[in-house]
PDB file of N, CA and C in Angstrom:
ATOM      1  N   MET A   1      85.461 108.337  95.817  1.00  0.00           N
ATOM      2  CA  MET A   1      84.886 108.928  94.621  1.00  0.00           C
ATOM      3  C   MET A   1      85.472 108.201  93.421  1.00  0.00           C
ATOM      4  N   PHE A   2      84.613 107.920  92.457  1.00  0.00           N
ATOM      5  CA  PHE A   2      85.041 107.306  91.209  1.00  0.00           C
ATOM      6  C   PHE A   2      85.144 108.382  90.149  1.00  0.00           C
ATOM      7  N   LEU A   3      86.319 108.583  89.618  1.00  0.00           N
ATOM      8  CA  LEU A   3      86.572 109.554  88.561  1.00  0.00           C
ATOM      9  C   LEU A   3      86.345 108.832  87.237  1.00  0.00           C
ATOM     10  N   TYR A   4      85.368 109.280  86.461  1.00  0.00           N
ATOM     11  CA  TYR A   4      84.967 108.562  85.254  1.00  0.00           C
ATOM     12  C   TYR A   4      84.973 109.461  84.031  1.00  0.00           C
ATOM     13  N   GLU A   5      85.671 109.034  82.999  1.00  0.00           N
ATOM     14  CA  GLU A   5      85.674 109.713  81.698  1.00  0.00           C
ATOM     15  C   GLU A   5      86.066 111.186  81.757  1.00  0.00           C
ATOM     16  N   LEU A   6      87.150 111.463  82.420  1.00  0.00           N
ATOM     17  CA  LEU A   6      87.669 112.828  82.445  1.00  0.00           C
ATOM     18  C   LEU A   6      88.463 113.066  81.169  1.00  0.00           C
ATOM     19  N   GLY A   7      88.191 114.152  80.515  1.00  0.00           N
ATOM     20  CA  GLY A   7      88.923 114.477  79.298  1.00  0.00           C
ATOM     21  C   GLY A   7      89.129 115.971  79.179  1.00  0.00           C
ATOM     22  N   VAL A   8      90.129 116.341  78.415  1.00  0.00           N
ATOM     23  CA  VAL A   8      90.440 117.749  78.161  1.00  0.00           C
ATOM     24  C   VAL A   8      90.471 117.933  76.650  1.00  0.00           C
ATOM     25  N   ALA A   9      89.804 118.967  76.168  1.00  0.00           N
ATOM     26  CA  ALA A   9      89.803 119.257  74.737  1.00  0.00           C
ATOM     27  C   ALA A   9      91.240 119.367  74.235  1.00  0.00           C
ATOM     28  N   GLU A  10      91.465 118.843  73.056  1.00  0.00           N
ATOM     29  CA  GLU A  10      92.826 118.803  72.509  1.00  0.00           C
ATOM     30  C   GLU A  10      93.505 120.168  72.508  1.00  0.00           C
ATOM     31  N   ARG A  11      92.772 121.211  72.161  1.00  0.00           N
ATOM     32  CA  ARG A  11      93.378 122.552  72.100  1.00  0.00           C
ATOM     33  C   ARG A  11      93.763 123.096  73.477  1.00  0.00           C
ATOM     34  N   ALA A  12      93.232 122.488  74.548  1.00  0.00           N
ATOM     35  CA  ALA A  12      93.530 122.956  75.903  1.00  0.00           C
ATOM     36  C   ALA A  12      94.542 122.073  76.623  1.00  0.00           C
ATOM     37  N   ARG A  13      94.999 121.024  75.978  1.00  0.00           N
ATOM     38  CA  ARG A  13      95.936 120.092  76.624  1.00  0.00           C
ATOM     39  C   ARG A  13      97.304 120.732  76.827  1.00  0.00           C
ATOM     40  N   GLY A  14      97.987 120.269  77.880  1.00  0.00           N
ATOM     41  CA  GLY A  14      99.321 120.771  78.163  1.00  0.00           C
ATOM     42  C   GLY A  14      99.341 122.098  78.902  1.00  0.00           C
ATOM     43  N   ARG A  15      98.198 122.523  79.393  1.00  0.00           N
ATOM     44  CA  ARG A  15      98.100 123.805  80.089  1.00  0.00           C
ATOM     45  C   ARG A  15      97.715 123.660  81.560  1.00  0.00           C
ATOM     46  N   GLY A  16      97.684 122.423  82.055  1.00  0.00           N
ATOM     47  CA  GLY A  16      97.353 122.205  83.457  1.00  0.00           C
ATOM     48  C   GLY A  16      95.870 122.077  83.739  1.00  0.00           C
ATOM     49  N   VAL A  17      95.050 122.016  82.681  1.00  0.00           N
ATOM     50  CA  VAL A  17      93.606 121.922  82.869  1.00  0.00           C
ATOM     51  C   VAL A  17      93.237 120.596  83.543  1.00  0.00           C
ATOM     52  N   GLY A  18      93.784 119.493  83.055  1.00  0.00           N
ATOM     53  CA  GLY A  18      93.497 118.187  83.649  1.00  0.00           C
ATOM     54  C   GLY A  18      93.915 118.121  85.104  1.00  0.00           C
ATOM     55  N   ARG A  19      95.093 118.635  85.397  1.00  0.00           N
ATOM     56  CA  ARG A  19      95.581 118.659  86.777  1.00  0.00           C
ATOM     57  C   ARG A  19      94.649 119.476  87.665  1.00  0.00           C
ATOM     58  N   ALA A  20      94.197 120.623  87.172  1.00  0.00           N
ATOM     59  CA  ALA A  20      93.284 121.463  87.951  1.00  0.00           C
ATOM     60  C   ALA A  20      91.951 120.761  88.187  1.00  0.00           C
ATOM     61  N   LEU A  21      91.439 120.074  87.170  1.00  0.00           N
ATOM     62  CA  LEU A  21      90.185 119.346  87.331  1.00  0.00           C
ATOM     63  C   LEU A  21      90.317 118.232  88.364  1.00  0.00           C
ATOM     64  N   VAL A  22      91.380 117.451  88.264  1.00  0.00           N
ATOM     65  CA  VAL A  22      91.571 116.344  89.206  1.00  0.00           C
ATOM     66  C   VAL A  22      91.769 116.876  90.618  1.00  0.00           C
ATOM     67  N   THR A  23      92.545 117.931  90.771  1.00  0.00           N
ATOM     68  CA  THR A  23      92.767 118.527  92.085  1.00  0.00           C
ATOM     69  C   THR A  23      91.456 119.011  92.686  1.00  0.00           C
ATOM     70  N   SER A  24      90.640 119.664  91.875  1.00  0.00           N
ATOM     71  CA  SER A  24      89.338 120.152  92.363  1.00  0.00           C
ATOM     72  C   SER A  24      88.421 119.007  92.753  1.00  0.00           C
ATOM     73  N   LEU A  25      88.415 117.942  91.960  1.00  0.00           N
ATOM     74  CA  LEU A  25      87.593 116.783  92.296  1.00  0.00           C
ATOM     75  C   LEU A  25      88.063 116.124  93.591  1.00  0.00           C
ATOM     76  N   ALA A  26      89.366 116.045  93.786  1.00  0.00           N
ATOM     77  CA  ALA A  26      89.902 115.472  95.027  1.00  0.00           C
ATOM     78  C   ALA A  26      89.501 116.319  96.235  1.00  0.00           C
ATOM     79  N   GLU A  27      89.542 117.629  96.083  1.00  0.00           N
ATOM     80  CA  GLU A  27      89.114 118.518  97.172  1.00  0.00           C
ATOM     81  C   GLU A  27      87.637 118.319  97.471  1.00  0.00           C
ATOM     82  N   LEU A  28      86.823 118.206  96.442  1.00  0.00           N
ATOM     83  CA  LEU A  28      85.397 117.975  96.613  1.00  0.00           C
ATOM     84  C   LEU A  28      85.145 116.637  97.307  1.00  0.00           C
ATOM     85  N   ALA A  29      85.896 115.620  96.908  1.00  0.00           N
ATOM     86  CA  ALA A  29      85.751 114.301  97.539  1.00  0.00           C
ATOM     87  C   ALA A  29      86.058 114.376  99.034  1.00  0.00           C
ATOM     88  N   ARG A  30      87.125 115.077  99.393  1.00  0.00           N
ATOM     89  CA  ARG A  30      87.470 115.231 100.818  1.00  0.00           C
ATOM     90  C   ARG A  30      86.366 115.967 101.570  1.00  0.00           C
ATOM     91  N   GLU A  31      85.869 117.050 100.974  1.00  0.00           N
ATOM     92  CA  GLU A  31      84.798 117.832 101.611  1.00  0.00           C
ATOM     93  C   GLU A  31      83.544 116.996 101.835  1.00  0.00           C
ATOM     94  N   ARG A  32      83.283 116.065 100.929  1.00  0.00           N
ATOM     95  CA  ARG A  32      82.085 115.226 101.012  1.00  0.00           C
ATOM     96  C   ARG A  32      82.298 113.981 101.856  1.00  0.00           C
ATOM     97  N   GLY A  33      83.486 113.826 102.438  1.00  0.00           N
ATOM     98  CA  GLY A  33      83.753 112.703 103.322  1.00  0.00           C
ATOM     99  C   GLY A  33      84.184 111.420 102.632  1.00  0.00           C
ATOM    100  N   CYS A  34      84.576 111.500 101.377  1.00  0.00           N
ATOM    101  CA  CYS A  34      85.064 110.303 100.688  1.00  0.00           C
ATOM    102  C   CYS A  34      86.396 109.877 101.292  1.00  0.00           C
ATOM    103  N   TYR A  35      86.632 108.580 101.351  1.00  0.00           N
ATOM    104  CA  TYR A  35      87.883 108.065 101.914  1.00  0.00           C
ATOM    105  C   TYR A  35      88.974 107.924 100.861  1.00  0.00           C
ATOM    106  N   GLY A  36      88.653 108.183  99.625  1.00  0.00           N
ATOM    107  CA  GLY A  36      89.641 108.103  98.554  1.00  0.00           C
ATOM    108  C   GLY A  36      88.985 108.380  97.214  1.00  0.00           C
ATOM    109  N   MET A  37      89.776 108.248  96.177  1.00  0.00           N
ATOM    110  CA  MET A  37      89.292 108.473  94.822  1.00  0.00           C
ATOM    111  C   MET A  37      90.006 107.477  93.930  1.00  0.00           C
ATOM    112  N   TRP A  38      89.317 106.948  92.931  1.00  0.00           N
ATOM    113  CA  TRP A  38      89.979 106.006  92.036  1.00  0.00           C
ATOM    114  C   TRP A  38      89.449 106.150  90.624  1.00  0.00           C
ATOM    115  N   THR A  39      90.239 105.675  89.697  1.00  0.00           N
ATOM    116  CA  THR A  39      89.880 105.628  88.291  1.00  0.00           C
ATOM    117  C   THR A  39      90.713 104.542  87.635  1.00  0.00           C
ATOM    118  N   ALA A  40      90.467 104.323  86.386  1.00  0.00           N
ATOM    119  CA  ALA A  40      91.269 103.385  85.597  1.00  0.00           C
ATOM    120  C   ALA A  40      91.628 104.085  84.290  1.00  0.00           C
ATOM    121  N   THR A  41      92.717 103.676  83.713  1.00  0.00           N
ATOM    122  CA  THR A  41      93.125 104.198  82.422  1.00  0.00           C
ATOM    123  C   THR A  41      93.882 103.111  81.683  1.00  0.00           C
ATOM    124  N   GLU A  42      94.061 103.292  80.418  1.00  0.00           N
ATOM    125  CA  GLU A  42      94.796 102.319  79.621  1.00  0.00           C
ATOM    126  C   GLU A  42      96.278 102.374  79.989  1.00  0.00           C
ATOM    127  N   PRO A  43      96.951 101.230  79.947  1.00  0.00           N
ATOM    128  CA  PRO A  43      98.383 101.213  80.280  1.00  0.00           C
ATOM    129  C   PRO A  43      99.231 102.137  79.406  1.00  0.00           C
ATOM    130  N   ASP A  44      98.807 102.381  78.168  1.00  0.00           N
ATOM    131  CA  ASP A  44      99.597 103.235  77.277  1.00  0.00           C
ATOM    132  C   ASP A  44      99.161 104.708  77.306  1.00  0.00           C
ATOM    133  N   ASN A  45      98.229 105.079  78.181  1.00  0.00           N
ATOM    134  CA  ASN A  45      97.786 106.469  78.287  1.00  0.00           C
ATOM    135  C   ASN A  45      98.709 107.202  79.260  1.00  0.00           C
ATOM    136  N   VAL A  46      99.887 107.492  78.779  1.00  0.00           N
ATOM    137  CA  VAL A  46     100.926 108.111  79.604  1.00  0.00           C
ATOM    138  C   VAL A  46     100.512 109.507  80.072  1.00  0.00           C
ATOM    139  N   ALA A  47      99.841 110.263  79.215  1.00  0.00           N
ATOM    140  CA  ALA A  47      99.424 111.620  79.593  1.00  0.00           C
ATOM    141  C   ALA A  47      98.492 111.582  80.800  1.00  0.00           C
ATOM    142  N   ALA A  48      97.526 110.672  80.791  1.00  0.00           N
ATOM    143  CA  ALA A  48      96.613 110.564  81.931  1.00  0.00           C
ATOM    144  C   ALA A  48      97.369 110.145  83.178  1.00  0.00           C
ATOM    145  N   GLN A  49      98.240 109.171  83.051  1.00  0.00           N
ATOM    146  CA  GLN A  49      98.989 108.700  84.219  1.00  0.00           C
ATOM    147  C   GLN A  49      99.858 109.805  84.798  1.00  0.00           C
ATOM    148  N   ARG A  50     100.473 110.599  83.954  1.00  0.00           N
ATOM    149  CA  ARG A  50     101.287 111.727  84.434  1.00  0.00           C
ATOM    150  C   ARG A  50     100.423 112.761  85.145  1.00  0.00           C
ATOM    151  N   THR A  51      99.253 113.032  84.582  1.00  0.00           N
ATOM    152  CA  THR A  51      98.337 113.991  85.201  1.00  0.00           C
ATOM    153  C   THR A  51      97.932 113.505  86.586  1.00  0.00           C
ATOM    154  N   TYR A  52      97.506 112.251  86.682  1.00  0.00           N
ATOM    155  CA  TYR A  52      97.074 111.706  87.969  1.00  0.00           C
ATOM    156  C   TYR A  52      98.229 111.690  88.976  1.00  0.00           C
ATOM    157  N   ALA A  53      99.411 111.278  88.535  1.00  0.00           N
ATOM    158  CA  ALA A  53     100.571 111.240  89.436  1.00  0.00           C
ATOM    159  C   ALA A  53     100.930 112.635  89.931  1.00  0.00           C
ATOM    160  N   SER A  54     100.753 113.651  89.075  1.00  0.00           N
ATOM    161  CA  SER A  54     101.102 115.021  89.476  1.00  0.00           C
ATOM    162  C   SER A  54     100.180 115.557  90.556  1.00  0.00           C
ATOM    163  N   THR A  55      99.042 114.882  90.768  1.00  0.00           N
ATOM    164  CA  THR A  55      98.106 115.306  91.809  1.00  0.00           C
ATOM    165  C   THR A  55      98.189 114.419  93.049  1.00  0.00           C
ATOM    166  N   GLY A  56      99.195 113.539  93.083  1.00  0.00           N
ATOM    167  CA  GLY A  56      99.414 112.708  94.262  1.00  0.00           C
ATOM    168  C   GLY A  56      98.905 111.287  94.169  1.00  0.00           C
ATOM    169  N   ALA A  57      98.379 110.885  93.008  1.00  0.00           N
ATOM    170  CA  ALA A  57      97.874 109.521  92.856  1.00  0.00           C
ATOM    171  C   ALA A  57      99.027 108.520  92.753  1.00  0.00           C
ATOM    172  N   ARG A  58      98.758 107.320  93.216  1.00  0.00           N
ATOM    173  CA  ARG A  58      99.686 106.204  93.010  1.00  0.00           C
ATOM    174  C   ARG A  58      99.202 105.444  91.779  1.00  0.00           C
ATOM    175  N   ILE A  59     100.093 105.171  90.859  1.00  0.00           N
ATOM    176  CA  ILE A  59      99.747 104.405  89.672  1.00  0.00           C
ATOM    177  C   ILE A  59     100.046 102.941  89.984  1.00  0.00           C
ATOM    178  N   LEU A  60      98.994 102.152  90.072  1.00  0.00           N
ATOM    179  CA  LEU A  60      99.132 100.742  90.427  1.00  0.00           C
ATOM    180  C   LEU A  60      99.257  99.897  89.166  1.00  0.00           C
ATOM    181  N   GLU A  61      99.792  98.709  89.337  1.00  0.00           N
ATOM    182  CA  GLU A  61      99.935  97.796  88.205  1.00  0.00           C
ATOM    183  C   GLU A  61      98.570  97.505  87.604  1.00  0.00           C
ATOM    184  N   PRO A  62      98.530  97.281  86.307  1.00  0.00           N
ATOM    185  CA  PRO A  62      97.243  96.978  85.663  1.00  0.00           C
ATOM    186  C   PRO A  62      96.546  95.786  86.315  1.00  0.00           C
ATOM    187  N   GLN A  63      95.263  95.931  86.459  1.00  0.00           N
ATOM    188  CA  GLN A  63      94.427  94.882  87.027  1.00  0.00           C
ATOM    189  C   GLN A  63      93.483  94.393  85.938  1.00  0.00           C
ATOM    190  N   PRO A  64      93.025  93.161  86.053  1.00  0.00           N
ATOM    191  CA  PRO A  64      92.063  92.676  85.065  1.00  0.00           C
ATOM    192  C   PRO A  64      90.774  93.490  85.112  1.00  0.00           C
ATOM    193  N   PHE A  65      90.221  93.713  83.966  1.00  0.00           N
ATOM    194  CA  PHE A  65      88.937  94.376  83.857  1.00  0.00           C
ATOM    195  C   PHE A  65      87.921  93.300  83.529  1.00  0.00           C
ATOM    196  N   VAL A  66      86.866  93.249  84.270  1.00  0.00           N
ATOM    197  CA  VAL A  66      85.868  92.197  84.109  1.00  0.00           C
ATOM    198  C   VAL A  66      84.562  92.819  83.641  1.00  0.00           C
ATOM    199  N   GLU A  67      83.966  92.228  82.632  1.00  0.00           N
ATOM    200  CA  GLU A  67      82.674  92.716  82.172  1.00  0.00           C
ATOM    201  C   GLU A  67      81.798  91.545  81.750  1.00  0.00           C
ATOM    202  N   TRP A  68      80.535  91.797  81.774  1.00  0.00           N
ATOM    203  CA  TRP A  68      79.551  90.846  81.282  1.00  0.00           C
ATOM    204  C   TRP A  68      78.864  91.500  80.105  1.00  0.00           C
ATOM    205  N   ARG A  69      78.719  90.765  79.012  1.00  0.00           N
ATOM    206  CA  ARG A  69      77.968  91.266  77.848  1.00  0.00           C
ATOM    207  C   ARG A  69      76.792  90.343  77.599  1.00  0.00           C
ATOM    208  N   PHE A  70      75.653  90.935  77.529  1.00  0.00           N
ATOM    209  CA  PHE A  70      74.444  90.166  77.281  1.00  0.00           C
ATOM    210  C   PHE A  70      73.841  90.638  75.952  1.00  0.00           C
ATOM    211  N   ASP A  71      73.563  89.703  75.075  1.00  0.00           N
ATOM    212  CA  ASP A  71      72.976  90.055  73.775  1.00  0.00           C
ATOM    213  C   ASP A  71      71.476  90.144  73.850  1.00  0.00           C
TER     214      ASP A  71
END
């Protein structure tokens, strides 16, 4: 499962909402037969990395991001 653009409203941050969302998504992924879950975040987004790590994720070294832009 690809976790994309997960966010928590500023007024709700620090209350475990992000952790609960990620945990629920991981459970859903397992139920649906996914072999894993992944996402990307900015290297300086410490809050996201802490949230993901608290749910059992491994934080891997930054990898290059590749994109094509067509005008």
